[in-house]
Amino acid sequence: MRPNEYQNLAKGTALPGAWSLSYLIPGIAGETGELVEKIEEGDKDLVAHELADHYWFIAMICEVMDWSIEGLLGQSPASYQKEAEDFAETHSVDKLKDQLVIHVGNMNSAFAKSVRDNGGNLNEKRLRQICLSSADVMLYVGAIGWRYGFTVEELMKKNIDKLYDGKDRGVLGGDGDKR
């Protein structure tokens, strides 16, 4: 599954309240906290679920900003997968996790400053910070996934399957992966 295909499918699972940065930016921070917990617990399948959830948030941030995931990456999906693999080979899971937390924090900081300084309107500087940090988040999520034995495509497919199953059962809202 190509990232842009994933993005197109992901938006079909977004509830009405999910179409704003005021939900998406803090939401990806929450997912990062959940991911860190699952890494500490050592459960490969739960780590995969949390990594895949990051892709949904990035896809939706791209939708809201009128970006494409592949445009955000600035490279082909195969090149992105290779870069994620290379990062995974040269960085420990702890280092990748720390970098993910930093870049998600940078996204949140840029958005919070736009709320504080401009009533939530993103100026060029803040928009660029969110864009660059979103691309970095994609890289670190892909690298962590690779360390756990998953390709980007597998994580995206796993997430779409989970989301559409939840949509079919009417349980997209709420908490947890076991809805």
C-alpha atoms as a PDB file:
ATOM      1  CA  MET A   1       0.000   0.000   0.000  1.00  0.00           C
ATOM      2  CA  ARG A   2       1.452   3.317  -1.057  1.00  0.00           C
ATOM      3  CA  PRO A   3       1.380   6.128   1.520  1.00  0.00           C
ATOM      4  CA  ASN A   4      -0.986   8.276  -0.579  1.00  0.00           C
ATOM      5  CA  GLU A   5      -3.358   5.318  -0.941  1.00  0.00           C
ATOM      6  CA  TYR A   6      -3.204   4.869   2.827  1.00  0.00           C
ATOM      7  CA  GLN A   7      -3.953   8.572   3.325  1.00  0.00           C
ATOM      8  CA  ASN A   8      -6.998   8.353   1.072  1.00  0.00           C
ATOM      9  CA  LEU A   9      -8.336   5.328   2.946  1.00  0.00           C
ATOM     10  CA  ALA A  10      -7.493   6.761   6.377  1.00  0.00           C
ATOM     11  CA  LYS A  11      -9.600   9.876   5.861  1.00  0.00           C
ATOM     12  CA  GLY A  12     -12.612   7.607   5.353  1.00  0.00           C
ATOM     13  CA  THR A  13     -12.338   6.608   9.014  1.00  0.00           C
ATOM     14  CA  ALA A  14     -12.082  10.099  10.522  1.00  0.00           C
ATOM     15  CA  LEU A  15     -14.920  11.158  12.768  1.00  0.00           C
ATOM     16  CA  PRO A  16     -16.144  14.770  12.359  1.00  0.00           C
ATOM     17  CA  GLY A  17     -14.165  16.035  15.357  1.00  0.00           C
ATOM     18  CA  ALA A  18     -10.909  14.669  13.957  1.00  0.00           C
ATOM     19  CA  TRP A  19     -10.627  17.175  11.120  1.00  0.00           C
ATOM     20  CA  SER A  20      -8.623  19.839  12.963  1.00  0.00           C
ATOM     21  CA  LEU A  21      -5.074  20.360  14.117  1.00  0.00           C
ATOM     22  CA  SER A  22      -6.418  21.095  17.595  1.00  0.00           C
ATOM     23  CA  TYR A  23      -7.326  17.393  17.784  1.00  0.00           C
ATOM     24  CA  LEU A  24      -4.580  15.902  15.626  1.00  0.00           C
ATOM     25  CA  ILE A  25      -1.471  17.538  17.067  1.00  0.00           C
ATOM     26  CA  PRO A  26      -2.201  16.667  20.726  1.00  0.00           C
ATOM     27  CA  GLY A  27      -3.559  13.321  19.532  1.00  0.00           C
ATOM     28  CA  ILE A  28      -0.281  12.221  18.011  1.00  0.00           C
ATOM     29  CA  ALA A  29       1.445  13.195  21.264  1.00  0.00           C
ATOM     30  CA  GLY A  30      -0.927  10.892  23.130  1.00  0.00           C
ATOM     31  CA  GLU A  31      -0.178   8.093  20.672  1.00  0.00           C
ATOM     32  CA  THR A  32       3.540   8.633  21.247  1.00  0.00           C
ATOM     33  CA  GLY A  33       3.035   8.195  24.981  1.00  0.00           C
ATOM     34  CA  GLU A  34       1.134   4.973  24.336  1.00  0.00           C
ATOM     35  CA  LEU A  35       3.882   3.775  21.990  1.00  0.00           C
ATOM     36  CA  VAL A  36       6.578   4.404  24.595  1.00  0.00           C
ATOM     37  CA  GLU A  37       4.554   2.353  27.115  1.00  0.00           C
ATOM     38  CA  LYS A  38       4.177  -0.538  24.648  1.00  0.00           C
ATOM     39  CA  ILE A  39       7.889  -0.488  23.808  1.00  0.00           C
ATOM     40  CA  GLU A  40       8.672  -0.704  27.530  1.00  0.00           C
ATOM     41  CA  GLU A  41       6.232  -3.633  27.862  1.00  0.00           C
ATOM     42  CA  GLY A  42       7.961  -5.377  24.946  1.00  0.00           C
ATOM     43  CA  ASP A  43       4.822  -6.586  23.158  1.00  0.00           C
ATOM     44  CA  LYS A  44       5.620  -6.547  19.433  1.00  0.00           C
ATOM     45  CA  ASP A  45       1.980  -6.615  18.296  1.00  0.00           C
ATOM     46  CA  LEU A  46       0.958  -3.736  20.571  1.00  0.00           C
ATOM     47  CA  VAL A  47       3.976  -1.731  19.397  1.00  0.00           C
ATOM     48  CA  ALA A  48       2.818  -2.331  15.809  1.00  0.00           C
ATOM     49  CA  HIS A  49      -0.687  -1.056  16.649  1.00  0.00           C
ATOM     50  CA  GLU A  50       0.686   2.144  18.171  1.00  0.00           C
ATOM     51  CA  LEU A  51       3.107   2.724  15.302  1.00  0.00           C
ATOM     52  CA  ALA A  52       0.265   2.277  12.825  1.00  0.00           C
ATOM     53  CA  ASP A  53      -1.838   4.793  14.743  1.00  0.00           C
ATOM     54  CA  HIS A  54       0.915   7.355  14.168  1.00  0.00           C
ATOM     55  CA  TYR A  55       0.478   6.909  10.431  1.00  0.00           C
ATOM     56  CA  TRP A  56      -3.223   7.698  10.779  1.00  0.00           C
ATOM     57  CA  PHE A  57      -2.476  10.941  12.607  1.00  0.00           C
ATOM     58  CA  ILE A  58       0.149  11.971  10.044  1.00  0.00           C
ATOM     59  CA  ALA A  59      -2.255  11.120   7.208  1.00  0.00           C
ATOM     60  CA  MET A  60      -4.945  13.262   8.790  1.00  0.00           C
ATOM     61  CA  ILE A  61      -2.538  16.137   9.476  1.00  0.00           C
ATOM     62  CA  CYS A  62      -1.652  15.958   5.782  1.00  0.00           C
ATOM     63  CA  GLU A  63      -5.351  15.991   4.866  1.00  0.00           C
ATOM     64  CA  VAL A  64      -6.062  19.039   7.021  1.00  0.00           C
ATOM     65  CA  MET A  65      -3.009  20.858   5.659  1.00  0.00           C
ATOM     66  CA  ASP A  66      -3.783  19.811   2.063  1.00  0.00           C
ATOM     67  CA  TRP A  67      -0.516  17.896   1.787  1.00  0.00           C
ATOM     68  CA  SER A  68       0.113  14.374   0.526  1.00  0.00           C
ATOM     69  CA  ILE A  69       2.146  11.958   2.601  1.00  0.00           C
ATOM     70  CA  GLU A  70       4.384  11.207  -0.358  1.00  0.00           C
ATOM     71  CA  GLY A  71       4.879  14.926  -0.935  1.00  0.00           C
ATOM     72  CA  LEU A  72       5.698  15.359   2.748  1.00  0.00           C
ATOM     73  CA  LEU A  73       8.329  12.640   2.515  1.00  0.00           C
ATOM     74  CA  GLY A  74       9.891  14.207  -0.567  1.00  0.00           C
ATOM     75  CA  GLN A  75      10.892  10.792  -1.872  1.00  0.00           C
ATOM     76  CA  SER A  76       9.428   7.603  -3.257  1.00  0.00           C
ATOM     77  CA  PRO A  77       7.855   5.102  -0.844  1.00  0.00           C
ATOM     78  CA  ALA A  78      10.694   2.662  -1.594  1.00  0.00           C
ATOM     79  CA  SER A  79      13.304   5.318  -0.771  1.00  0.00           C
ATOM     80  CA  TYR A  80      11.451   6.185   2.427  1.00  0.00           C
ATOM     81  CA  GLN A  81      11.357   2.504   3.459  1.00  0.00           C
ATOM     82  CA  LYS A  82      15.101   2.210   2.748  1.00  0.00           C
ATOM     83  CA  GLU A  83      15.861   5.351   4.779  1.00  0.00           C
ATOM     84  CA  ALA A  84      13.794   3.984   7.680  1.00  0.00           C
ATOM     85  CA  GLU A  85      15.673   0.679   7.472  1.00  0.00           C
ATOM     86  CA  ASP A  86      19.031   2.471   7.427  1.00  0.00           C
ATOM     87  CA  PHE A  87      18.067   4.494  10.492  1.00  0.00           C
ATOM     88  CA  ALA A  88      16.887   1.329  12.216  1.00  0.00           C
ATOM     89  CA  GLU A  89      20.229  -0.361  11.532  1.00  0.00           C
ATOM     90  CA  THR A  90      22.276   2.511  12.960  1.00  0.00           C
ATOM     91  CA  HIS A  91      20.147   3.572  15.957  1.00  0.00           C
ATOM     92  CA  SER A  92      18.876   1.672  18.984  1.00  0.00           C
ATOM     93  CA  VAL A  93      15.147   1.484  19.646  1.00  0.00           C
ATOM     94  CA  ASP A  94      15.687   3.792  22.632  1.00  0.00           C
ATOM     95  CA  LYS A  95      17.418   6.398  20.445  1.00  0.00           C
ATOM     96  CA  LEU A  96      14.678   6.142  17.789  1.00  0.00           C
ATOM     97  CA  LYS A  97      11.995   6.440  20.470  1.00  0.00           C
ATOM     98  CA  ASP A  98      13.706   9.485  21.986  1.00  0.00           C
ATOM     99  CA  GLN A  99      13.918  11.162  18.572  1.00  0.00           C
ATOM    100  CA  LEU A 100      10.254  10.408  17.898  1.00  0.00           C
ATOM    101  CA  VAL A 101       9.303  12.049  21.200  1.00  0.00           C
ATOM    102  CA  ILE A 102      11.426  15.106  20.355  1.00  0.00           C
ATOM    103  CA  HIS A 103       9.843  15.588  16.915  1.00  0.00           C
ATOM    104  CA  VAL A 104       6.296  15.079  18.156  1.00  0.00           C
ATOM    105  CA  GLY A 105       7.115  17.594  20.869  1.00  0.00           C
ATOM    106  CA  ASN A 106       8.353  20.018  18.208  1.00  0.00           C
ATOM    107  CA  MET A 107       5.049  19.643  16.335  1.00  0.00           C
ATOM    108  CA  ASN A 108       3.128  20.389  19.520  1.00  0.00           C
ATOM    109  CA  SER A 109       5.324  23.344  20.356  1.00  0.00           C
ATOM    110  CA  ALA A 110       4.898  24.911  16.918  1.00  0.00           C
ATOM    111  CA  PHE A 111       1.129  24.487  17.092  1.00  0.00           C
ATOM    112  CA  ALA A 112       0.879  25.784  20.674  1.00  0.00           C
ATOM    113  CA  LYS A 113       2.901  28.874  19.759  1.00  0.00           C
ATOM    114  CA  SER A 114       0.618  29.529  16.800  1.00  0.00           C
ATOM    115  CA  VAL A 115      -2.376  29.390  19.157  1.00  0.00           C
ATOM    116  CA  ARG A 116      -0.670  31.670  21.660  1.00  0.00           C
ATOM    117  CA  ASP A 117       0.742  34.157  19.169  1.00  0.00           C
ATOM    118  CA  ASN A 118      -1.683  34.085  16.234  1.00  0.00           C
ATOM    119  CA  GLY A 119      -4.992  32.742  17.477  1.00  0.00           C
ATOM    120  CA  GLY A 120      -4.217  29.343  15.957  1.00  0.00           C
ATOM    121  CA  ASN A 121      -3.286  30.667  12.534  1.00  0.00           C
ATOM    122  CA  LEU A 122      -0.077  29.070  11.332  1.00  0.00           C
ATOM    123  CA  ASN A 123       2.492  31.462   9.985  1.00  0.00           C
ATOM    124  CA  GLU A 124       5.112  30.264   7.524  1.00  0.00           C
ATOM    125  CA  LYS A 125       7.664  29.498  10.248  1.00  0.00           C
ATOM    126  CA  ARG A 126       5.248  27.363  12.305  1.00  0.00           C
ATOM    127  CA  LEU A 127       3.873  25.640   9.228  1.00  0.00           C
ATOM    128  CA  ARG A 128       7.400  24.691   8.206  1.00  0.00           C
ATOM    129  CA  GLN A 129       8.151  23.378  11.708  1.00  0.00           C
ATOM    130  CA  ILE A 130       5.066  21.168  11.656  1.00  0.00           C
ATOM    131  CA  CYS A 131       5.857  19.955   8.142  1.00  0.00           C
ATOM    132  CA  LEU A 132       9.485  19.083   8.914  1.00  0.00           C
ATOM    133  CA  SER A 133       8.591  17.462  12.215  1.00  0.00           C
ATOM    134  CA  SER A 134       5.822  15.432  10.540  1.00  0.00           C
ATOM    135  CA  ALA A 135       8.332  14.075   8.024  1.00  0.00           C
ATOM    136  CA  ASP A 136      10.728  13.226  10.864  1.00  0.00           C
ATOM    137  CA  VAL A 137       7.940  11.474  12.769  1.00  0.00           C
ATOM    138  CA  MET A 138       7.282   9.360   9.680  1.00  0.00           C
ATOM    139  CA  LEU A 139      10.964   8.423   9.518  1.00  0.00           C
ATOM    140  CA  TYR A 140      11.254   7.420  13.165  1.00  0.00           C
ATOM    141  CA  VAL A 141       7.973   5.493  13.120  1.00  0.00           C
ATOM    142  CA  GLY A 142       9.203   3.603  10.051  1.00  0.00           C
ATOM    143  CA  ALA A 143      12.554   2.883  11.687  1.00  0.00           C
ATOM    144  CA  ILE A 144      11.006   1.635  14.935  1.00  0.00           C
ATOM    145  CA  GLY A 145       8.657  -0.516  12.890  1.00  0.00           C
ATOM    146  CA  TRP A 146      11.603  -2.008  11.023  1.00  0.00           C
ATOM    147  CA  ARG A 147      13.357  -2.800  14.322  1.00  0.00           C
ATOM    148  CA  TYR A 148      10.236  -4.757  15.292  1.00  0.00           C
ATOM    149  CA  GLY A 149      10.090  -6.573  11.954  1.00  0.00           C
ATOM    150  CA  PHE A 150       7.411  -4.524  10.158  1.00  0.00           C
ATOM    151  CA  THR A 151       7.594  -2.620   6.902  1.00  0.00           C
ATOM    152  CA  VAL A 152       5.801   0.680   6.471  1.00  0.00           C
ATOM    153  CA  GLU A 153       3.389  -0.995   4.072  1.00  0.00           C
ATOM    154  CA  GLU A 154       2.560  -3.746   6.585  1.00  0.00           C
ATOM    155  CA  LEU A 155       1.877  -1.217   9.337  1.00  0.00           C
ATOM    156  CA  MET A 156      -0.338   0.891   7.094  1.00  0.00           C
ATOM    157  CA  LYS A 157      -2.278  -2.152   5.896  1.00  0.00           C
ATOM    158  CA  LYS A 158      -2.685  -3.442   9.456  1.00  0.00           C
ATOM    159  CA  ASN A 159      -4.014  -0.056  10.537  1.00  0.00           C
ATOM    160  CA  ILE A 160      -6.473   0.310   7.656  1.00  0.00           C
ATOM    161  CA  ASP A 161      -7.807  -3.186   8.305  1.00  0.00           C
ATOM    162  CA  LYS A 162      -8.278  -2.363  12.009  1.00  0.00           C
ATOM    163  CA  LEU A 163      -9.907   0.991  11.282  1.00  0.00           C
ATOM    164  CA  TYR A 164     -12.356  -0.299   8.706  1.00  0.00           C
ATOM    165  CA  ASP A 165     -13.261  -3.211  10.967  1.00  0.00           C
ATOM    166  CA  GLY A 166     -14.017  -0.679  13.713  1.00  0.00           C
ATOM    167  CA  LYS A 167     -15.952   1.492  11.277  1.00  0.00           C
ATOM    168  CA  ASP A 168     -18.031  -1.487  10.136  1.00  0.00           C
ATOM    169  CA  ARG A 169     -18.821  -2.340  13.761  1.00  0.00           C
ATOM    170  CA  GLY A 170     -19.545   1.316  14.653  1.00  0.00           C
ATOM    171  CA  VAL A 171     -16.762   1.566  17.244  1.00  0.00           C
ATOM    172  CA  LEU A 172     -14.322   4.153  15.872  1.00  0.00           C
ATOM    173  CA  GLY A 173     -14.831   6.525  18.808  1.00  0.00           C
ATOM    174  CA  GLY A 174     -13.751   5.790  22.354  1.00  0.00           C
ATOM    175  CA  ASP A 175     -10.556   4.437  23.817  1.00  0.00           C
ATOM    176  CA  GLY A 176      -8.282   1.519  23.098  1.00  0.00           C
ATOM    177  CA  ASP A 177      -7.454  -0.867  20.309  1.00  0.00           C
ATOM    178  CA  LYS A 178      -9.850  -3.554  21.572  1.00  0.00           C
ATOM    179  CA  ARG A 179     -13.102  -1.786  20.778  1.00  0.00           C
END
